[in-house]
């Protein structure tokens, strides 16, 4: 079984693969840059309708998933990094804590234009190339390039307070559904509750949510519960599997175990034991 925490401490990867992805989370932080295509990105309790030049900062443990229109060419670059690996570069003699935006803003989108966009794309291209080269020199150059990028990101975050923009009512309604789920995911949920809360037909809500996010409403609810259980296993290590099961909204431990394993690849108990050694 593959350990649930395995990833290199710093890597950059460019892709033109527009295949669908499932909801996921990880202990590493992430920078996601959207070069082009047509996609929405669901991160935690927010939907981002992407435009070329969007740079997203993600706290990895937040549930996230892109919904890509595969009929349109899709290009993106992802940078994963372990904050513990980067932390020594945030302390004296360095003056700026480049991790601060990830801890304080958690998940935020920056839109880049003009020279800033050209500069960031050149940095990302360099990092992708260095990520696939062997040797200590390439590794050190990758770290330096990454820190340069992070300083630019830090600077941009100081002036970023743009609210989410939705091109149509469908995205806005999907966001309202996510807001409701975020507030009530640990409760016994029914579509009738959404129908009453949003004053829209439950079948219409189900259809538009699937169209915008690529997932059904209850698939999202289950992923949200599983992701929250992973957070409890990492942060609340005295909690038993049964306690976590009920806390995140499952009624039966057997159902929780089955759903957890199908999405994470191991049982809750195996994940809990693995988390104790990280």
Protein backbone atom coordinates (compact mmCIF):
# COMPACT_ATOMS: atom_id res chain seq x y z
CA UNK A 1 0.00 0.00 0.00
CA UNK A 2 1.35 3.45 -0.93
CA UNK A 3 1.85 5.68 2.13
CA UNK A 4 -0.64 8.59 2.13
CA UNK A 5 2.07 11.20 2.74
CA UNK A 6 4.63 10.36 0.03
CA UNK A 7 5.78 13.26 -2.16
CA UNK A 8 9.08 15.05 -2.89
CA UNK A 9 9.80 18.10 -0.69
CA UNK A 10 9.82 20.46 -3.70
CA UNK A 11 8.82 19.82 -7.31
CA UNK A 12 7.28 21.65 -10.25
CA UNK A 13 5.34 20.00 -13.06
CA UNK A 14 3.81 21.36 -16.29
CA UNK A 15 0.97 19.46 -17.92
CA UNK A 16 -1.40 19.69 -20.86
CA UNK A 17 -3.47 16.79 -19.56
CA UNK A 18 -7.12 17.78 -19.33
CA UNK A 19 -8.49 14.56 -17.85
CA UNK A 20 -10.86 14.71 -14.90
CA UNK A 21 -9.48 14.58 -11.38
CA UNK A 22 -11.08 13.48 -8.14
CA UNK A 23 -11.29 15.47 -4.92
CA UNK A 24 -8.04 15.15 -3.02
CA UNK A 25 -5.90 16.71 -0.30
CA UNK A 26 -2.30 16.39 0.85
CA UNK A 27 0.00 17.65 3.58
CA UNK A 28 2.13 19.67 1.15
CA UNK A 29 1.33 23.23 0.08
CA UNK A 30 0.62 23.94 -3.57
CA UNK A 31 0.99 26.69 -6.15
CA UNK A 32 -1.28 26.20 -9.16
CA UNK A 33 -0.82 28.32 -12.28
CA UNK A 34 -3.43 28.31 -15.05
CA UNK A 35 -1.92 28.90 -18.51
CA UNK A 36 -5.08 28.37 -20.52
CA UNK A 37 -8.19 26.33 -21.17
CA UNK A 38 -11.64 26.25 -19.61
CA UNK A 39 -11.89 25.09 -16.01
CA UNK A 40 -13.38 25.73 -12.60
CA UNK A 41 -11.37 24.97 -9.47
CA UNK A 42 -13.16 23.93 -6.31
CA UNK A 43 -11.00 24.59 -3.25
CA UNK A 44 -12.47 24.11 0.18
CA UNK A 45 -15.61 26.22 0.29
CA UNK A 46 -14.82 28.34 -2.79
CA UNK A 47 -15.29 27.96 -6.55
CA UNK A 48 -12.77 29.74 -8.77
CA UNK A 49 -13.72 30.25 -12.42
CA UNK A 50 -10.24 30.27 -13.93
CA UNK A 51 -8.74 32.76 -16.38
CA UNK A 52 -5.28 32.50 -18.00
CA UNK A 53 -2.80 34.14 -15.65
CA UNK A 54 -4.50 32.91 -12.46
CA UNK A 55 -2.10 31.79 -9.72
CA UNK A 56 -3.67 29.95 -6.79
CA UNK A 57 -2.06 29.44 -3.38
CA UNK A 58 -3.34 26.32 -1.66
CA UNK A 59 -3.01 24.92 1.83
CA UNK A 60 -2.85 21.27 0.73
CA UNK A 61 -5.10 19.76 3.41
CA UNK A 62 -8.01 21.75 2.01
CA UNK A 63 -10.18 19.58 -0.23
CA UNK A 64 -9.63 20.59 -3.87
CA UNK A 65 -10.44 19.45 -7.38
CA UNK A 66 -10.34 21.05 -10.84
CA UNK A 67 -13.28 20.55 -13.19
CA UNK A 68 -11.82 20.76 -16.71
CA UNK A 69 -13.65 21.15 -20.00
CA UNK A 70 -11.72 18.56 -22.00
CA UNK A 71 -12.97 19.97 -25.32
CA UNK A 72 -10.68 22.98 -24.82
CA UNK A 73 -6.84 22.67 -24.65
CA UNK A 74 -5.88 22.81 -20.95
CA UNK A 75 -2.45 23.85 -19.66
CA UNK A 76 -1.31 24.29 -16.08
CA UNK A 77 1.78 24.21 -13.87
CA UNK A 78 1.73 22.87 -10.31
CA UNK A 79 4.37 23.39 -7.63
CA UNK A 80 4.19 21.15 -4.54
CA UNK A 81 6.37 21.83 -1.53
CA UNK A 82 6.76 20.70 2.04
CA UNK A 83 6.52 23.77 4.34
CA UNK A 84 8.90 22.12 6.81
CA UNK A 85 11.50 21.89 4.03
CA UNK A 86 11.10 25.61 3.22
CA UNK A 87 10.87 26.84 6.83
CA UNK A 88 14.66 27.34 7.37
CA UNK A 89 14.55 29.91 4.55
CA UNK A 90 11.91 31.93 6.42
CA UNK A 91 14.13 32.54 9.45
CA UNK A 92 17.06 34.90 10.10
CA UNK A 93 19.02 36.10 8.22
CA UNK A 94 16.08 36.12 5.78
CA UNK A 95 13.81 39.13 6.34
CA UNK A 96 10.57 37.84 4.77
CA UNK A 97 8.52 34.81 5.80
CA UNK A 98 7.42 33.63 2.37
CA UNK A 99 5.09 31.03 3.94
CA UNK A 100 2.99 33.67 5.67
CA UNK A 101 0.36 33.99 2.89
CA UNK A 102 -0.27 30.23 2.97
CA UNK A 103 -0.96 30.27 6.70
CA UNK A 104 -2.91 33.53 6.87
CA UNK A 105 -4.79 33.47 3.55
CA UNK A 106 -4.83 29.64 3.15
CA UNK A 107 -6.41 29.51 -0.33
CA UNK A 108 -6.30 32.59 -2.51
CA UNK A 109 -6.25 33.42 -6.22
CA UNK A 110 -3.96 36.06 -7.70
CA UNK A 111 -4.53 37.21 -11.27
CA UNK A 112 -1.35 38.13 -13.13
CA UNK A 113 -1.08 40.35 -16.18
CA UNK A 114 1.61 42.07 -18.22
CA UNK A 115 5.21 41.86 -17.03
CA UNK A 116 4.26 40.06 -13.78
CA UNK A 117 2.65 37.24 -15.79
CA UNK A 118 5.64 36.96 -18.13
CA UNK A 119 8.03 36.89 -15.16
CA UNK A 120 6.10 34.20 -13.28
CA UNK A 121 5.73 31.99 -16.35
CA UNK A 122 9.49 32.20 -16.95
CA UNK A 123 10.14 31.25 -13.30
CA UNK A 124 7.77 28.28 -13.51
CA UNK A 125 9.31 27.06 -16.76
CA UNK A 126 12.76 27.17 -15.15
CA UNK A 127 11.53 25.30 -12.06
CA UNK A 128 9.89 22.58 -14.16
CA UNK A 129 13.14 22.03 -16.04
CA UNK A 130 15.23 21.92 -12.85
CA UNK A 131 12.77 19.50 -11.19
CA UNK A 132 13.66 16.87 -13.78
CA UNK A 133 17.43 17.34 -13.59
CA UNK A 134 19.61 15.26 -11.26
CA UNK A 135 22.38 16.47 -9.00
CA UNK A 136 22.94 18.78 -6.05
CA UNK A 137 23.51 21.84 -8.23
CA UNK A 138 20.14 21.50 -9.96
CA UNK A 139 18.47 20.92 -6.59
CA UNK A 140 19.97 24.10 -5.12
CA UNK A 141 19.08 26.12 -8.23
CA UNK A 142 15.51 24.83 -7.93
CA UNK A 143 15.32 26.05 -4.32
CA UNK A 144 16.69 29.48 -5.26
CA UNK A 145 14.23 29.79 -8.18
CA UNK A 146 11.38 28.75 -5.91
CA UNK A 147 12.29 31.31 -3.23
CA UNK A 148 12.44 34.03 -5.88
CA UNK A 149 8.94 33.04 -7.01
CA UNK A 150 7.68 32.99 -3.43
CA UNK A 151 9.00 36.50 -2.81
CA UNK A 152 7.08 37.72 -5.84
CA UNK A 153 3.95 35.90 -4.63
CA UNK A 154 4.38 37.43 -1.16
CA UNK A 155 4.57 40.90 -2.70
CA UNK A 156 1.42 40.33 -4.78
CA UNK A 157 -0.49 39.02 -1.76
CA UNK A 158 0.06 42.26 0.12
CA UNK A 159 -2.33 44.04 -2.24
CA UNK A 160 -4.74 41.22 -3.08
CA UNK A 161 -8.31 41.43 -1.77
CA UNK A 162 -10.32 40.62 -4.93
CA UNK A 163 -13.66 38.85 -4.27
CA UNK A 164 -14.67 35.77 -6.28
CA UNK A 165 -16.22 36.56 -9.66
CA UNK A 166 -18.91 34.34 -11.19
CA UNK A 167 -19.74 34.65 -14.90
CA UNK A 168 -23.27 33.24 -14.44
CA UNK A 169 -25.92 32.34 -11.85
CA UNK A 170 -24.93 28.65 -12.10
CA UNK A 171 -21.52 29.27 -10.48
CA UNK A 172 -23.12 31.51 -7.85
CA UNK A 173 -25.74 28.85 -6.98
CA UNK A 174 -23.03 26.16 -6.81
CA UNK A 175 -21.08 28.39 -4.42
CA UNK A 176 -24.21 28.75 -2.26
CA UNK A 177 -24.54 24.95 -2.16
CA UNK A 178 -20.92 24.63 -1.02
CA UNK A 179 -21.46 27.31 1.64
CA UNK A 180 -24.42 25.32 2.96
CA UNK A 181 -22.49 22.04 2.95
CA UNK A 182 -19.55 23.69 4.73
CA UNK A 183 -21.91 24.76 7.50
CA UNK A 184 -23.81 21.46 7.79
CA UNK A 185 -21.60 18.64 6.39
CA UNK A 186 -21.48 16.92 9.81
CA UNK A 187 -25.29 16.78 10.00
CA UNK A 188 -27.86 14.50 8.34
CA UNK A 189 -28.25 16.27 4.99
CA UNK A 190 -31.10 16.06 2.46
CA UNK A 191 -31.65 17.78 -0.87
CA UNK A 192 -34.92 19.16 0.47
CA UNK A 193 -32.91 21.30 2.89
CA UNK A 194 -31.00 22.87 0.01
CA UNK A 195 -34.25 23.36 -1.91
CA UNK A 196 -35.75 25.23 1.03
CA UNK A 197 -32.59 27.25 1.76
CA UNK A 198 -31.88 28.35 -1.83
CA UNK A 199 -35.48 28.48 -3.09
CA UNK A 200 -34.60 26.40 -6.14
CA UNK A 201 -35.75 22.97 -7.30
CA UNK A 202 -33.54 20.22 -5.86
CA UNK A 203 -33.17 18.49 -9.25
CA UNK A 204 -32.04 21.73 -10.85
CA UNK A 205 -29.55 22.25 -8.01
CA UNK A 206 -28.17 18.74 -8.47
CA UNK A 207 -27.77 19.24 -12.22
CA UNK A 208 -26.03 22.63 -12.02
CA UNK A 209 -23.68 21.51 -9.23
CA UNK A 210 -22.54 18.56 -11.32
CA UNK A 211 -22.06 20.84 -14.33
CA UNK A 212 -20.00 23.43 -12.44
CA UNK A 213 -17.90 21.17 -10.18
CA UNK A 214 -17.85 17.81 -11.98
CA UNK A 215 -19.20 16.05 -8.87
CA UNK A 216 -22.60 15.29 -7.41
CA UNK A 217 -23.66 17.14 -4.28
CA UNK A 218 -23.42 14.06 -2.09
CA UNK A 219 -20.11 12.99 -3.60
CA UNK A 220 -18.83 16.38 -2.45
CA UNK A 221 -20.41 15.92 0.99
CA UNK A 222 -18.69 12.54 1.43
CA UNK A 223 -15.35 13.89 0.26
CA UNK A 224 -15.74 16.84 2.63
CA UNK A 225 -16.40 14.48 5.55
CA UNK A 226 -13.48 12.20 4.63
CA UNK A 227 -11.14 15.16 4.28
CA UNK A 228 -12.19 16.49 7.68
CA UNK A 229 -11.59 13.06 9.20
CA UNK A 230 -8.03 13.09 7.77
CA UNK A 231 -7.45 16.46 9.42
CA UNK A 232 -8.67 15.05 12.76
CA UNK A 233 -6.36 12.05 12.45
CA UNK A 234 -3.38 14.35 11.83
CA UNK A 235 -4.19 17.03 14.42
CA UNK A 236 -6.35 15.26 17.07
CA UNK A 237 -4.38 12.08 17.55
CA UNK A 238 -6.17 11.05 20.74
CA UNK A 239 -9.48 10.68 18.90
CA UNK A 240 -10.53 7.13 18.02
CA UNK A 241 -11.72 6.11 14.57
CA UNK A 242 -15.26 5.77 15.91
CA UNK A 243 -15.18 9.23 17.49
CA UNK A 244 -14.00 10.78 14.23
CA UNK A 245 -16.63 8.82 12.29
CA UNK A 246 -19.49 10.37 14.25
CA UNK A 247 -17.89 13.80 14.48
CA UNK A 248 -17.71 14.26 10.70
CA UNK A 249 -21.27 13.12 10.09
CA UNK A 250 -21.25 9.37 9.39
CA UNK A 251 -23.86 7.30 11.18
CA UNK A 252 -22.16 3.91 10.94
CA UNK A 253 -18.42 3.10 11.38
CA UNK A 254 -18.62 0.39 8.70
CA UNK A 255 -19.91 2.91 6.15
CA UNK A 256 -17.20 5.38 7.21
CA UNK A 257 -14.48 2.75 6.77
CA UNK A 258 -15.76 1.72 3.34
CA UNK A 259 -16.03 5.31 2.08
CA UNK A 260 -12.64 6.28 3.54
CA UNK A 261 -10.83 3.35 1.94
CA UNK A 262 -12.43 3.94 -1.47
CA UNK A 263 -11.23 7.55 -1.47
CA UNK A 264 -7.92 7.43 0.40
CA UNK A 265 -6.67 3.94 -0.47
CA UNK A 266 -6.32 2.69 3.10
CA UNK A 267 -8.56 2.20 6.13
CA UNK A 268 -9.06 4.98 8.70
CA UNK A 269 -7.07 2.98 11.25
CA UNK A 270 -4.16 2.56 8.84
CA UNK A 271 -4.20 6.27 8.04
CA UNK A 272 -4.38 7.13 11.74
CA UNK A 273 -1.34 4.96 12.50
CA UNK A 274 0.58 6.44 9.56
CA UNK A 275 -0.23 9.97 10.74
CA UNK A 276 1.20 9.22 14.17
CA UNK A 277 4.69 8.80 12.62
CA UNK A 278 4.68 11.97 10.51
